[in-house]
Amino acid sequence: MSYSGLKLLHILCVVISITGFSLRAGAMVFAAQHLSKPWVKRLPHIVDTLLLLSGLGLLSITGLSPFQVPWLGLKLLLLLAYIVFGALGLRYAPKRYQRLLCCAVALACAATMAWLALTKPAL
């Protein structure tokens, strides 16, 4: 796959992943029943796997290394924070306000990752 095709797939997966996370977070806040449906639990894993694979493909094509490019290293650290806070927000935090706060932090991490990808600042 070409660089531009892989980049388009990556961006599409980012949009779908963050939109899906936001919808699941909103449904969790309002105690919606559709969160327990099997496809709601499986689809994010498929999208996030495609997202990860496309990101690794982009790294391979460009030859960039998170150890040599500071904004990319920070983006990967924020990805780990997004995963942790997202899991806490959607599943593990005991109280609703804690879940909401964790989801907000996860979305802030995602927004910062998007900003880093768009601006590629010299840190």
PDB file of N, CA and C in Angstrom:
ATOM      1  N   MET A   1       0.849  -1.174   0.000  1.00  0.00           N
ATOM      2  CA  MET A   1       0.000   0.000   0.000  1.00  0.00           C
ATOM      3  C   MET A   1       0.895   1.237   0.000  1.00  0.00           C
ATOM      4  N   SER A   2       0.463   2.264  -0.706  1.00  0.00           N
ATOM      5  CA  SER A   2       1.251   3.488  -0.797  1.00  0.00           C
ATOM      6  C   SER A   2       1.170   4.284   0.510  1.00  0.00           C
ATOM      7  N   TYR A   3       2.089   5.218   0.643  1.00  0.00           N
ATOM      8  CA  TYR A   3       2.112   6.070   1.830  1.00  0.00           C
ATOM      9  C   TYR A   3       0.801   6.826   1.979  1.00  0.00           C
ATOM     10  N   SER A   4       0.326   7.426   0.887  1.00  0.00           N
ATOM     11  CA  SER A   4      -0.896   8.234   0.986  1.00  0.00           C
ATOM     12  C   SER A   4      -2.116   7.365   1.316  1.00  0.00           C
ATOM     13  N   GLY A   5      -2.182   6.155   0.766  1.00  0.00           N
ATOM     14  CA  GLY A   5      -3.287   5.253   1.100  1.00  0.00           C
ATOM     15  C   GLY A   5      -3.246   4.808   2.551  1.00  0.00           C
ATOM     16  N   LEU A   6      -2.048   4.516   3.033  1.00  0.00           N
ATOM     17  CA  LEU A   6      -1.881   4.094   4.428  1.00  0.00           C
ATOM     18  C   LEU A   6      -2.193   5.241   5.387  1.00  0.00           C
ATOM     19  N   LYS A   7      -1.784   6.446   5.013  1.00  0.00           N
ATOM     20  CA  LYS A   7      -2.069   7.615   5.842  1.00  0.00           C
ATOM     21  C   LYS A   7      -3.571   7.883   5.896  1.00  0.00           C
ATOM     22  N   LEU A   8      -4.251   7.745   4.752  1.00  0.00           N
ATOM     23  CA  LEU A   8      -5.695   7.932   4.716  1.00  0.00           C
ATOM     24  C   LEU A   8      -6.398   6.887   5.592  1.00  0.00           C
ATOM     25  N   LEU A   9      -5.966   5.628   5.509  1.00  0.00           N
ATOM     26  CA  LEU A   9      -6.535   4.574   6.362  1.00  0.00           C
ATOM     27  C   LEU A   9      -6.311   4.908   7.831  1.00  0.00           C
ATOM     28  N   HIS A  10      -5.120   5.374   8.172  1.00  0.00           N
ATOM     29  CA  HIS A  10      -4.786   5.717   9.550  1.00  0.00           C
ATOM     30  C   HIS A  10      -5.690   6.846  10.064  1.00  0.00           C
ATOM     31  N   ILE A  11      -5.842   7.886   9.268  1.00  0.00           N
ATOM     32  CA  ILE A  11      -6.681   9.023   9.677  1.00  0.00           C
ATOM     33  C   ILE A  11      -8.138   8.592   9.816  1.00  0.00           C
ATOM     34  N   LEU A  12      -8.614   7.780   8.890  1.00  0.00           N
ATOM     35  CA  LEU A  12      -9.984   7.277   8.961  1.00  0.00           C
ATOM     36  C   LEU A  12     -10.195   6.458  10.232  1.00  0.00           C
ATOM     37  N   CYS A  13      -9.233   5.603  10.557  1.00  0.00           N
ATOM     38  CA  CYS A  13      -9.328   4.800  11.782  1.00  0.00           C
ATOM     39  C   CYS A  13      -9.289   5.681  13.031  1.00  0.00           C
ATOM     40  N   VAL A  14      -8.491   6.745  13.004  1.00  0.00           N
ATOM     41  CA  VAL A  14      -8.446   7.681  14.138  1.00  0.00           C
ATOM     42  C   VAL A  14      -9.824   8.293  14.357  1.00  0.00           C
ATOM     43  N   VAL A  15     -10.428   8.766  13.285  1.00  0.00           N
ATOM     44  CA  VAL A  15     -11.754   9.409  13.389  1.00  0.00           C
ATOM     45  C   VAL A  15     -12.790   8.409  13.905  1.00  0.00           C
ATOM     46  N   ILE A  16     -12.801   7.204  13.352  1.00  0.00           N
ATOM     47  CA  ILE A  16     -13.763   6.189  13.780  1.00  0.00           C
ATOM     48  C   ILE A  16     -13.522   5.791  15.232  1.00  0.00           C
ATOM     49  N   SER A  17     -12.259   5.620  15.606  1.00  0.00           N
ATOM     50  CA  SER A  17     -11.923   5.198  16.968  1.00  0.00           C
ATOM     51  C   SER A  17     -12.337   6.242  18.007  1.00  0.00           C
ATOM     52  N   ILE A  18     -12.001   7.493  17.757  1.00  0.00           N
ATOM     53  CA  ILE A  18     -12.328   8.550  18.721  1.00  0.00           C
ATOM     54  C   ILE A  18     -13.837   8.795  18.761  1.00  0.00           C
ATOM     55  N   THR A  19     -14.484   8.747  17.610  1.00  0.00           N
ATOM     56  CA  THR A  19     -15.945   8.892  17.585  1.00  0.00           C
ATOM     57  C   THR A  19     -16.611   7.762  18.350  1.00  0.00           C
ATOM     58  N   GLY A  20     -16.155   6.553  18.114  1.00  0.00           N
ATOM     59  CA  GLY A  20     -16.708   5.403  18.830  1.00  0.00           C
ATOM     60  C   GLY A  20     -16.486   5.494  20.322  1.00  0.00           C
ATOM     61  N   PHE A  21     -15.281   5.900  20.720  1.00  0.00           N
ATOM     62  CA  PHE A  21     -14.997   6.058  22.141  1.00  0.00           C
ATOM     63  C   PHE A  21     -15.915   7.108  22.754  1.00  0.00           C
ATOM     64  N   SER A  22     -16.085   8.224  22.063  1.00  0.00           N
ATOM     65  CA  SER A  22     -16.944   9.297  22.570  1.00  0.00           C
ATOM     66  C   SER A  22     -18.392   8.829  22.711  1.00  0.00           C
ATOM     67  N   LEU A  23     -18.875   8.084  21.733  1.00  0.00           N
ATOM     68  CA  LEU A  23     -20.241   7.562  21.805  1.00  0.00           C
ATOM     69  C   LEU A  23     -20.398   6.563  22.951  1.00  0.00           C
ATOM     70  N   ARG A  24     -19.415   5.697  23.126  1.00  0.00           N
ATOM     71  CA  ARG A  24     -19.481   4.729  24.235  1.00  0.00           C
ATOM     72  C   ARG A  24     -19.403   5.443  25.573  1.00  0.00           C
ATOM     73  N   ALA A  25     -18.581   6.488  25.661  1.00  0.00           N
ATOM     74  CA  ALA A  25     -18.495   7.254  26.908  1.00  0.00           C
ATOM     75  C   ALA A  25     -19.816   7.942  27.210  1.00  0.00           C
ATOM     76  N   GLY A  26     -20.423   8.535  26.191  1.00  0.00           N
ATOM     77  CA  GLY A  26     -21.725   9.173  26.379  1.00  0.00           C
ATOM     78  C   GLY A  26     -22.790   8.170  26.773  1.00  0.00           C
ATOM     79  N   ALA A  27     -22.780   7.009  26.157  1.00  0.00           N
ATOM     80  CA  ALA A  27     -23.750   5.966  26.485  1.00  0.00           C
ATOM     81  C   ALA A  27     -23.539   5.464  27.910  1.00  0.00           C
ATOM     82  N   MET A  28     -22.273   5.415  28.338  1.00  0.00           N
ATOM     83  CA  MET A  28     -21.971   4.978  29.704  1.00  0.00           C
ATOM     84  C   MET A  28     -22.519   5.979  30.717  1.00  0.00           C
ATOM     85  N   VAL A  29     -22.385   7.258  30.417  1.00  0.00           N
ATOM     86  CA  VAL A  29     -22.875   8.295  31.324  1.00  0.00           C
ATOM     87  C   VAL A  29     -24.394   8.216  31.463  1.00  0.00           C
ATOM     88  N   PHE A  30     -25.066   7.949  30.338  1.00  0.00           N
ATOM     89  CA  PHE A  30     -26.527   7.907  30.363  1.00  0.00           C
ATOM     90  C   PHE A  30     -27.073   6.491  30.565  1.00  0.00           C
ATOM     91  N   ALA A  31     -26.198   5.543  30.914  1.00  0.00           N
ATOM     92  CA  ALA A  31     -26.574   4.154  31.210  1.00  0.00           C
ATOM     93  C   ALA A  31     -27.374   3.515  30.080  1.00  0.00           C
ATOM     94  N   ALA A  32     -26.919   3.705  28.853  1.00  0.00           N
ATOM     95  CA  ALA A  32     -27.607   3.112  27.706  1.00  0.00           C
ATOM     96  C   ALA A  32     -27.406   1.598  27.695  1.00  0.00           C
ATOM     97  N   GLN A  33     -28.401   0.891  27.229  1.00  0.00           N
ATOM     98  CA  GLN A  33     -28.380  -0.565  27.238  1.00  0.00           C
ATOM     99  C   GLN A  33     -27.591  -1.166  26.070  1.00  0.00           C
ATOM    100  N   HIS A  34     -27.394  -0.410  24.999  1.00  0.00           N
ATOM    101  CA  HIS A  34     -26.751  -1.002  23.826  1.00  0.00           C
ATOM    102  C   HIS A  34     -25.254  -1.262  24.020  1.00  0.00           C
ATOM    103  N   LEU A  35     -24.678  -0.824  25.126  1.00  0.00           N
ATOM    104  CA  LEU A  35     -23.264  -1.066  25.386  1.00  0.00           C
ATOM    105  C   LEU A  35     -22.947  -2.549  25.556  1.00  0.00           C
ATOM    106  N   SER A  36     -23.938  -3.348  25.901  1.00  0.00           N
ATOM    107  CA  SER A  36     -23.686  -4.764  26.140  1.00  0.00           C
ATOM    108  C   SER A  36     -23.813  -5.619  24.887  1.00  0.00           C
ATOM    109  N   LYS A  37     -24.168  -5.016  23.760  1.00  0.00           N
ATOM    110  CA  LYS A  37     -24.294  -5.787  22.517  1.00  0.00           C
ATOM    111  C   LYS A  37     -22.912  -6.223  22.040  1.00  0.00           C
ATOM    112  N   PRO A  38     -22.822  -7.453  21.496  1.00  0.00           N
ATOM    113  CA  PRO A  38     -21.509  -7.993  21.104  1.00  0.00           C
ATOM    114  C   PRO A  38     -20.752  -7.126  20.092  1.00  0.00           C
ATOM    115  N   TRP A  39     -21.443  -6.562  19.095  1.00  0.00           N
ATOM    116  CA  TRP A  39     -20.733  -5.779  18.083  1.00  0.00           C
ATOM    117  C   TRP A  39     -20.164  -4.502  18.661  1.00  0.00           C
ATOM    118  N   VAL A  40     -20.795  -3.953  19.703  1.00  0.00           N
ATOM    119  CA  VAL A  40     -20.292  -2.736  20.347  1.00  0.00           C
ATOM    120  C   VAL A  40     -18.987  -3.038  21.075  1.00  0.00           C
ATOM    121  N   LYS A  41     -18.846  -4.261  21.539  1.00  0.00           N
ATOM    122  CA  LYS A  41     -17.615  -4.649  22.239  1.00  0.00           C
ATOM    123  C   LYS A  41     -16.507  -5.063  21.265  1.00  0.00           C
ATOM    124  N   ARG A  42     -16.867  -5.599  20.100  1.00  0.00           N
ATOM    125  CA  ARG A  42     -15.864  -6.112  19.156  1.00  0.00           C
ATOM    126  C   ARG A  42     -15.344  -5.063  18.177  1.00  0.00           C
ATOM    127  N   LEU A  43     -16.219  -4.201  17.701  1.00  0.00           N
ATOM    128  CA  LEU A  43     -15.838  -3.240  16.671  1.00  0.00           C
ATOM    129  C   LEU A  43     -14.656  -2.348  17.070  1.00  0.00           C
ATOM    130  N   PRO A  44     -14.604  -1.823  18.301  1.00  0.00           N
ATOM    131  CA  PRO A  44     -13.449  -0.987  18.658  1.00  0.00           C
ATOM    132  C   PRO A  44     -12.115  -1.735  18.571  1.00  0.00           C
ATOM    133  N   HIS A  45     -12.119  -3.026  18.875  1.00  0.00           N
ATOM    134  CA  HIS A  45     -10.878  -3.797  18.792  1.00  0.00           C
ATOM    135  C   HIS A  45     -10.413  -3.933  17.341  1.00  0.00           C
ATOM    136  N   ILE A  46     -11.357  -4.116  16.436  1.00  0.00           N
ATOM    137  CA  ILE A  46     -11.011  -4.227  15.017  1.00  0.00           C
ATOM    138  C   ILE A  46     -10.461  -2.894  14.505  1.00  0.00           C
ATOM    139  N   VAL A  47     -11.161  -1.815  14.811  1.00  0.00           N
ATOM    140  CA  VAL A  47     -10.728  -0.486  14.352  1.00  0.00           C
ATOM    141  C   VAL A  47      -9.372  -0.126  14.955  1.00  0.00           C
ATOM    142  N   ASP A  48      -9.196  -0.374  16.250  1.00  0.00           N
ATOM    143  CA  ASP A  48      -7.928  -0.022  16.902  1.00  0.00           C
ATOM    144  C   ASP A  48      -6.769  -0.880  16.405  1.00  0.00           C
ATOM    145  N   THR A  49      -7.044  -2.132  16.033  1.00  0.00           N
ATOM    146  CA  THR A  49      -6.002  -2.977  15.452  1.00  0.00           C
ATOM    147  C   THR A  49      -5.584  -2.428  14.095  1.00  0.00           C
ATOM    148  N   LEU A  50      -6.554  -2.043  13.266  1.00  0.00           N
ATOM    149  CA  LEU A  50      -6.232  -1.417  11.979  1.00  0.00           C
ATOM    150  C   LEU A  50      -5.462  -0.113  12.181  1.00  0.00           C
ATOM    151  N   LEU A  51      -5.850   0.640  13.189  1.00  0.00           N
ATOM    152  CA  LEU A  51      -5.169   1.895  13.506  1.00  0.00           C
ATOM    153  C   LEU A  51      -3.708   1.641  13.873  1.00  0.00           C
ATOM    154  N   LEU A  52      -3.486   0.665  14.735  1.00  0.00           N
ATOM    155  CA  LEU A  52      -2.122   0.337  15.146  1.00  0.00           C
ATOM    156  C   LEU A  52      -1.295  -0.175  13.967  1.00  0.00           C
ATOM    157  N   LEU A  53      -1.871  -1.083  13.172  1.00  0.00           N
ATOM    158  CA  LEU A  53      -1.139  -1.633  12.028  1.00  0.00           C
ATOM    159  C   LEU A  53      -0.822  -0.556  10.988  1.00  0.00           C
ATOM    160  N   SER A  54      -1.759   0.340  10.750  1.00  0.00           N
ATOM    161  CA  SER A  54      -1.483   1.414   9.786  1.00  0.00           C
ATOM    162  C   SER A  54      -0.411   2.361  10.329  1.00  0.00           C
ATOM    163  N   GLY A  55      -0.431   2.617  11.639  1.00  0.00           N
ATOM    164  CA  GLY A  55       0.615   3.445  12.244  1.00  0.00           C
ATOM    165  C   GLY A  55       1.982   2.803  12.135  1.00  0.00           C
ATOM    166  N   LEU A  56       2.041   1.495  12.384  1.00  0.00           N
ATOM    167  CA  LEU A  56       3.315   0.778  12.234  1.00  0.00           C
ATOM    168  C   LEU A  56       3.773   0.773  10.782  1.00  0.00           C
ATOM    169  N   GLY A  57       2.817   0.657   9.858  1.00  0.00           N
ATOM    170  CA  GLY A  57       3.160   0.724   8.440  1.00  0.00           C
ATOM    171  C   GLY A  57       3.726   2.084   8.056  1.00  0.00           C
ATOM    172  N   LEU A  58       3.125   3.143   8.594  1.00  0.00           N
ATOM    173  CA  LEU A  58       3.638   4.486   8.331  1.00  0.00           C
ATOM    174  C   LEU A  58       5.044   4.658   8.897  1.00  0.00           C
ATOM    175  N   LEU A  59       5.275   4.114  10.092  1.00  0.00           N
ATOM    176  CA  LEU A  59       6.624   4.167  10.668  1.00  0.00           C
ATOM    177  C   LEU A  59       7.621   3.436   9.770  1.00  0.00           C
ATOM    178  N   SER A  60       7.204   2.305   9.258  1.00  0.00           N
ATOM    179  CA  SER A  60       8.078   1.508   8.399  1.00  0.00           C
ATOM    180  C   SER A  60       8.406   2.243   7.099  1.00  0.00           C
ATOM    181  N   ILE A  61       7.398   2.827   6.486  1.00  0.00           N
ATOM    182  CA  ILE A  61       7.602   3.531   5.218  1.00  0.00           C
ATOM    183  C   ILE A  61       8.472   4.773   5.399  1.00  0.00           C
ATOM    184  N   THR A  62       8.201   5.549   6.454  1.00  0.00           N
ATOM    185  CA  THR A  62       8.930   6.808   6.645  1.00  0.00           C
ATOM    186  C   THR A  62      10.298   6.617   7.285  1.00  0.00           C
ATOM    187  N   GLY A  63      10.460   5.516   8.011  1.00  0.00           N
ATOM    188  CA  GLY A  63      11.719   5.281   8.699  1.00  0.00           C
ATOM    189  C   GLY A  63      11.893   6.116   9.958  1.00  0.00           C
ATOM    190  N   LEU A  64      10.812   6.741  10.416  1.00  0.00           N
ATOM    191  CA  LEU A  64      10.880   7.537  11.644  1.00  0.00           C
ATOM    192  C   LEU A  64      10.977   6.630  12.862  1.00  0.00           C
ATOM    193  N   SER A  65      11.615   7.129  13.887  1.00  0.00           N
ATOM    194  CA  SER A  65      11.736   6.389  15.134  1.00  0.00           C
ATOM    195  C   SER A  65      11.262   7.276  16.283  1.00  0.00           C
ATOM    196  N   PRO A  66      10.441   6.729  17.186  1.00  0.00           N
ATOM    197  CA  PRO A  66       9.991   7.534  18.321  1.00  0.00           C
ATOM    198  C   PRO A  66      11.133   7.929  19.255  1.00  0.00           C
ATOM    199  N   PHE A  67      12.264   7.260  19.116  1.00  0.00           N
ATOM    200  CA  PHE A  67      13.418   7.588  19.956  1.00  0.00           C
ATOM    201  C   PHE A  67      14.240   8.724  19.362  1.00  0.00           C
ATOM    202  N   GLN A  68      14.043   9.001  18.079  1.00  0.00           N
ATOM    203  CA  GLN A  68      14.776  10.072  17.415  1.00  0.00           C
ATOM    204  C   GLN A  68      13.922  11.303  17.138  1.00  0.00           C
ATOM    205  N   VAL A  69      12.607  11.121  17.103  1.00  0.00           N
ATOM    206  CA  VAL A  69      11.684  12.217  16.795  1.00  0.00           C
ATOM    207  C   VAL A  69      10.837  12.474  18.049  1.00  0.00           C
ATOM    208  N   PRO A  70      11.139  13.539  18.795  1.00  0.00           N
ATOM    209  CA  PRO A  70      10.483  13.754  20.089  1.00  0.00           C
ATOM    210  C   PRO A  70       8.957  13.816  20.038  1.00  0.00           C
ATOM    211  N   TRP A  71       8.380  14.471  19.025  1.00  0.00           N
ATOM    212  CA  TRP A  71       6.916  14.561  18.986  1.00  0.00           C
ATOM    213  C   TRP A  71       6.283  13.188  18.817  1.00  0.00           C
ATOM    214  N   LEU A  72       6.964  12.296  18.103  1.00  0.00           N
ATOM    215  CA  LEU A  72       6.441  10.953  17.894  1.00  0.00           C
ATOM    216  C   LEU A  72       6.538  10.122  19.181  1.00  0.00           C
ATOM    217  N   GLY A  73       7.640  10.291  19.905  1.00  0.00           N
ATOM    218  CA  GLY A  73       7.772   9.614  21.200  1.00  0.00           C
ATOM    219  C   GLY A  73       6.701  10.065  22.180  1.00  0.00           C
ATOM    220  N   LEU A  74       6.443  11.364  22.211  1.00  0.00           N
ATOM    221  CA  LEU A  74       5.395  11.900  23.085  1.00  0.00           C
ATOM    222  C   LEU A  74       4.025  11.382  22.667  1.00  0.00           C
ATOM    223  N   LYS A  75       3.808  11.284  21.365  1.00  0.00           N
ATOM    224  CA  LYS A  75       2.535  10.767  20.862  1.00  0.00           C
ATOM    225  C   LYS A  75       2.317   9.327  21.335  1.00  0.00           C
ATOM    226  N   LEU A  76       3.352   8.520  21.325  1.00  0.00           N
ATOM    227  CA  LEU A  76       3.225   7.133  21.789  1.00  0.00           C
ATOM    228  C   LEU A  76       2.979   7.055  23.297  1.00  0.00           C
ATOM    229  N   LEU A  77       3.605   7.947  24.062  1.00  0.00           N
ATOM    230  CA  LEU A  77       3.327   7.993  25.508  1.00  0.00           C
ATOM    231  C   LEU A  77       1.879   8.406  25.764  1.00  0.00           C
ATOM    232  N   LEU A  78       1.404   9.367  24.982  1.00  0.00           N
ATOM    233  CA  LEU A  78       0.006   9.783  25.112  1.00  0.00           C
ATOM    234  C   LEU A  78      -0.953   8.662  24.695  1.00  0.00           C
ATOM    235  N   LEU A  79      -0.532   7.836  23.744  1.00  0.00           N
ATOM    236  CA  LEU A  79      -1.350   6.688  23.348  1.00  0.00           C
ATOM    237  C   LEU A  79      -1.524   5.732  24.528  1.00  0.00           C
ATOM    238  N   LEU A  80      -0.449   5.483  25.250  1.00  0.00           N
ATOM    239  CA  LEU A  80      -0.544   4.626  26.439  1.00  0.00           C
ATOM    240  C   LEU A  80      -1.475   5.244  27.486  1.00  0.00           C
ATOM    241  N   ALA A  81      -1.358   6.550  27.688  1.00  0.00           N
ATOM    242  CA  ALA A  81      -2.243   7.232  28.644  1.00  0.00           C
ATOM    243  C   ALA A  81      -3.688   7.162  28.170  1.00  0.00           C
ATOM    244  N   TYR A  82      -3.924   7.314  26.868  1.00  0.00           N
ATOM    245  CA  TYR A  82      -5.263   7.222  26.305  1.00  0.00           C
ATOM    246  C   TYR A  82      -5.868   5.841  26.574  1.00  0.00           C
ATOM    247  N   ILE A  83      -5.070   4.807  26.385  1.00  0.00           N
ATOM    248  CA  ILE A  83      -5.544   3.443  26.623  1.00  0.00           C
ATOM    249  C   ILE A  83      -5.887   3.237  28.092  1.00  0.00           C
ATOM    250  N   VAL A  84      -5.011   3.668  28.987  1.00  0.00           N
ATOM    251  CA  VAL A  84      -5.243   3.483  30.425  1.00  0.00           C
ATOM    252  C   VAL A  84      -6.472   4.265  30.885  1.00  0.00           C
ATOM    253  N   PHE A  85      -6.527   5.549  30.544  1.00  0.00           N
ATOM    254  CA  PHE A  85      -7.665   6.362  30.988  1.00  0.00           C
ATOM    255  C   PHE A  85      -8.963   5.947  30.299  1.00  0.00           C
ATOM    256  N   GLY A  86      -8.863   5.502  29.055  1.00  0.00           N
ATOM    257  CA  GLY A  86     -10.053   5.010  28.370  1.00  0.00           C
ATOM    258  C   GLY A  86     -10.603   3.757  29.028  1.00  0.00           C
ATOM    259  N   ALA A  87      -9.714   2.836  29.397  1.00  0.00           N
ATOM    260  CA  ALA A  87     -10.164   1.617  30.086  1.00  0.00           C
ATOM    261  C   ALA A  87     -10.759   1.947  31.448  1.00  0.00           C
ATOM    262  N   LEU A  88     -10.122   2.861  32.164  1.00  0.00           N
ATOM    263  CA  LEU A  88     -10.673   3.275  33.461  1.00  0.00           C
ATOM    264  C   LEU A  88     -12.045   3.917  33.273  1.00  0.00           C
ATOM    265  N   GLY A  89     -12.148   4.761  32.264  1.00  0.00           N
ATOM    266  CA  GLY A  89     -13.391   5.488  32.040  1.00  0.00           C
ATOM    267  C   GLY A  89     -14.541   4.602  31.595  1.00  0.00           C
ATOM    268  N   LEU A  90     -14.259   3.644  30.748  1.00  0.00           N
ATOM    269  CA  LEU A  90     -15.338   2.812  30.225  1.00  0.00           C
ATOM    270  C   LEU A  90     -15.608   1.563  31.059  1.00  0.00           C
ATOM    271  N   ARG A  91     -14.651   1.171  31.884  1.00  0.00           N
ATOM    272  CA  ARG A  91     -14.828  -0.114  32.524  1.00  0.00           C
ATOM    273  C   ARG A  91     -14.485  -0.154  34.022  1.00  0.00           C
ATOM    274  N   TYR A  92     -13.366   0.404  34.417  1.00  0.00           N
ATOM    275  CA  TYR A  92     -12.830   0.074  35.730  1.00  0.00           C
ATOM    276  C   TYR A  92     -13.046   1.097  36.832  1.00  0.00           C
ATOM    277  N   ALA A  93     -13.257   2.352  36.511  1.00  0.00           N
ATOM    278  CA  ALA A  93     -13.453   3.352  37.573  1.00  0.00           C
ATOM    279  C   ALA A  93     -14.770   3.049  38.296  1.00  0.00           C
ATOM    280  N   PRO A  94     -14.751   3.091  39.631  1.00  0.00           N
ATOM    281  CA  PRO A  94     -15.928   2.642  40.389  1.00  0.00           C
ATOM    282  C   PRO A  94     -17.114   3.599  40.369  1.00  0.00           C
ATOM    283  N   LYS A  95     -16.879   4.882  40.292  1.00  0.00           N
ATOM    284  CA  LYS A  95     -17.976   5.851  40.360  1.00  0.00           C
ATOM    285  C   LYS A  95     -18.157   6.556  39.018  1.00  0.00           C
ATOM    286  N   ARG A  96     -19.382   6.984  38.755  1.00  0.00           N
ATOM    287  CA  ARG A  96     -19.705   7.604  37.467  1.00  0.00           C
ATOM    288  C   ARG A  96     -18.875   8.866  37.226  1.00  0.00           C
ATOM    289  N   TYR A  97     -18.700   9.713  38.234  1.00  0.00           N
ATOM    290  CA  TYR A  97     -17.932  10.946  38.015  1.00  0.00           C
ATOM    291  C   TYR A  97     -16.463  10.620  37.727  1.00  0.00           C
ATOM    292  N   GLN A  98     -15.944   9.530  38.318  1.00  0.00           N
ATOM    293  CA  GLN A  98     -14.567   9.126  38.030  1.00  0.00           C
ATOM    294  C   GLN A  98     -14.442   8.614  36.597  1.00  0.00           C
ATOM    295  N   ARG A  99     -15.463   7.889  36.157  1.00  0.00           N
ATOM    296  CA  ARG A  99     -15.463   7.402  34.781  1.00  0.00           C
ATOM    297  C   ARG A  99     -15.507   8.568  33.801  1.00  0.00           C
ATOM    298  N   LEU A 100     -16.349   9.537  34.100  1.00  0.00           N
ATOM    299  CA  LEU A 100     -16.469  10.707  33.233  1.00  0.00           C
ATOM    300  C   LEU A 100     -15.152  11.485  33.180  1.00  0.00           C
ATOM    301  N   LEU A 101     -14.519  11.655  34.315  1.00  0.00           N
ATOM    302  CA  LEU A 101     -13.233  12.352  34.360  1.00  0.00           C
ATOM    303  C   LEU A 101     -12.168  11.591  33.563  1.00  0.00           C
ATOM    304  N   CYS A 102     -12.126  10.281  33.736  1.00  0.00           N
ATOM    305  CA  CYS A 102     -11.152   9.466  32.990  1.00  0.00           C
ATOM    306  C   CYS A 102     -11.405   9.543  31.491  1.00  0.00           C
ATOM    307  N   CYS A 103     -12.667   9.521  31.072  1.00  0.00           N
ATOM    308  CA  CYS A 103     -12.994   9.653  29.653  1.00  0.00           C
ATOM    309  C   CYS A 103     -12.568  11.016  29.124  1.00  0.00           C
ATOM    310  N   ALA A 104     -12.757  12.059  29.915  1.00  0.00           N
ATOM    311  CA  ALA A 104     -12.342  13.400  29.503  1.00  0.00           C
ATOM    312  C   ALA A 104     -10.824  13.476  29.343  1.00  0.00           C
ATOM    313  N   VAL A 105     -10.088  12.866  30.264  1.00  0.00           N
ATOM    314  CA  VAL A 105      -8.623  12.849  30.159  1.00  0.00           C
ATOM    315  C   VAL A 105      -8.196  12.054  28.928  1.00  0.00           C
ATOM    316  N   ALA A 106      -8.860  10.926  28.678  1.00  0.00           N
ATOM    317  CA  ALA A 106      -8.541  10.115  27.494  1.00  0.00           C
ATOM    318  C   ALA A 106      -8.764  10.926  26.219  1.00  0.00           C
ATOM    319  N   LEU A 107      -9.871  11.653  26.156  1.00  0.00           N
ATOM    320  CA  LEU A 107     -10.145  12.473  24.971  1.00  0.00           C
ATOM    321  C   LEU A 107      -9.148  13.626  24.840  1.00  0.00           C
ATOM    322  N   ALA A 108      -8.693  14.167  25.969  1.00  0.00           N
ATOM    323  CA  ALA A 108      -7.662  15.208  25.924  1.00  0.00           C
ATOM    324  C   ALA A 108      -6.348  14.631  25.380  1.00  0.00           C
ATOM    325  N   CYS A 109      -6.040  13.405  25.763  1.00  0.00           N
ATOM    326  CA  CYS A 109      -4.850  12.731  25.223  1.00  0.00           C
ATOM    327  C   CYS A 109      -4.991  12.548  23.709  1.00  0.00           C
ATOM    328  N   ALA A 110      -6.169  12.126  23.258  1.00  0.00           N
ATOM    329  CA  ALA A 110      -6.405  11.923  21.830  1.00  0.00           C
ATOM    330  C   ALA A 110      -6.284  13.243  21.064  1.00  0.00           C
ATOM    331  N   ALA A 111      -6.828  14.303  21.627  1.00  0.00           N
ATOM    332  CA  ALA A 111      -6.744  15.615  20.983  1.00  0.00           C
ATOM    333  C   ALA A 111      -5.288  16.078  20.885  1.00  0.00           C
ATOM    334  N   THR A 112      -4.519  15.831  21.930  1.00  0.00           N
ATOM    335  CA  THR A 112      -3.110  16.216  21.916  1.00  0.00           C
ATOM    336  C   THR A 112      -2.332  15.385  20.896  1.00  0.00           C
ATOM    337  N   MET A 113      -2.654  14.092  20.786  1.00  0.00           N
ATOM    338  CA  MET A 113      -2.003  13.251  19.772  1.00  0.00           C
ATOM    339  C   MET A 113      -2.303  13.779  18.368  1.00  0.00           C
ATOM    340  N   ALA A 114      -3.552  14.166  18.131  1.00  0.00           N
ATOM    341  CA  ALA A 114      -3.920  14.706  16.822  1.00  0.00           C
ATOM    342  C   ALA A 114      -3.165  16.007  16.550  1.00  0.00           C
ATOM    343  N   TRP A 115      -3.068  16.860  17.564  1.00  0.00           N
ATOM    344  CA  TRP A 115      -2.338  18.116  17.402  1.00  0.00           C
ATOM    345  C   TRP A 115      -0.865  17.854  17.075  1.00  0.00           C
ATOM    346  N   LEU A 116      -0.261  16.899  17.788  1.00  0.00           N
ATOM    347  CA  LEU A 116       1.142  16.550  17.516  1.00  0.00           C
ATOM    348  C   LEU A 116       1.322  16.037  16.096  1.00  0.00           C
ATOM    349  N   ALA A 117       0.382  15.204  15.640  1.00  0.00           N
ATOM    350  CA  ALA A 117       0.488  14.650  14.291  1.00  0.00           C
ATOM    351  C   ALA A 117       0.335  15.726  13.222  1.00  0.00           C
ATOM    352  N   LEU A 118      -0.519  16.705  13.499  1.00  0.00           N
ATOM    353  CA  LEU A 118      -0.740  17.769  12.507  1.00  0.00           C
ATOM    354  C   LEU A 118       0.372  18.806  12.485  1.00  0.00           C
ATOM    355  N   THR A 119       0.904  19.140  13.647  1.00  0.00           N
ATOM    356  CA  THR A 119       1.881  20.228  13.719  1.00  0.00           C
ATOM    357  C   THR A 119       3.325  19.756  13.733  1.00  0.00           C
ATOM    358  N   LYS A 120       3.577  18.550  14.219  1.00  0.00           N
ATOM    359  CA  LYS A 120       4.931  17.994  14.317  1.00  0.00           C
ATOM    360  C   LYS A 120       5.925  19.011  14.891  1.00  0.00           C
ATOM    361  N   PRO A 121       5.628  19.483  16.115  1.00  0.00           N
ATOM    362  CA  PRO A 121       6.484  20.536  16.683  1.00  0.00           C
ATOM    363  C   PRO A 121       7.880  20.039  17.048  1.00  0.00           C
ATOM    364  N   ALA A 122       8.816  20.937  16.995  1.00  0.00           N
ATOM    365  CA  ALA A 122      10.172  20.613  17.459  1.00  0.00           C
ATOM    366  C   ALA A 122      10.175  20.800  18.959  1.00  0.00           C
ATOM    367  N   LEU A 123      10.217  19.715  19.679  1.00  0.00           N
ATOM    368  CA  LEU A 123      10.126  19.801  21.140  1.00  0.00           C
ATOM    369  C   LEU A 123      11.481  20.025  21.766  1.00  0.00           C
TER     370      LEU A 123
END
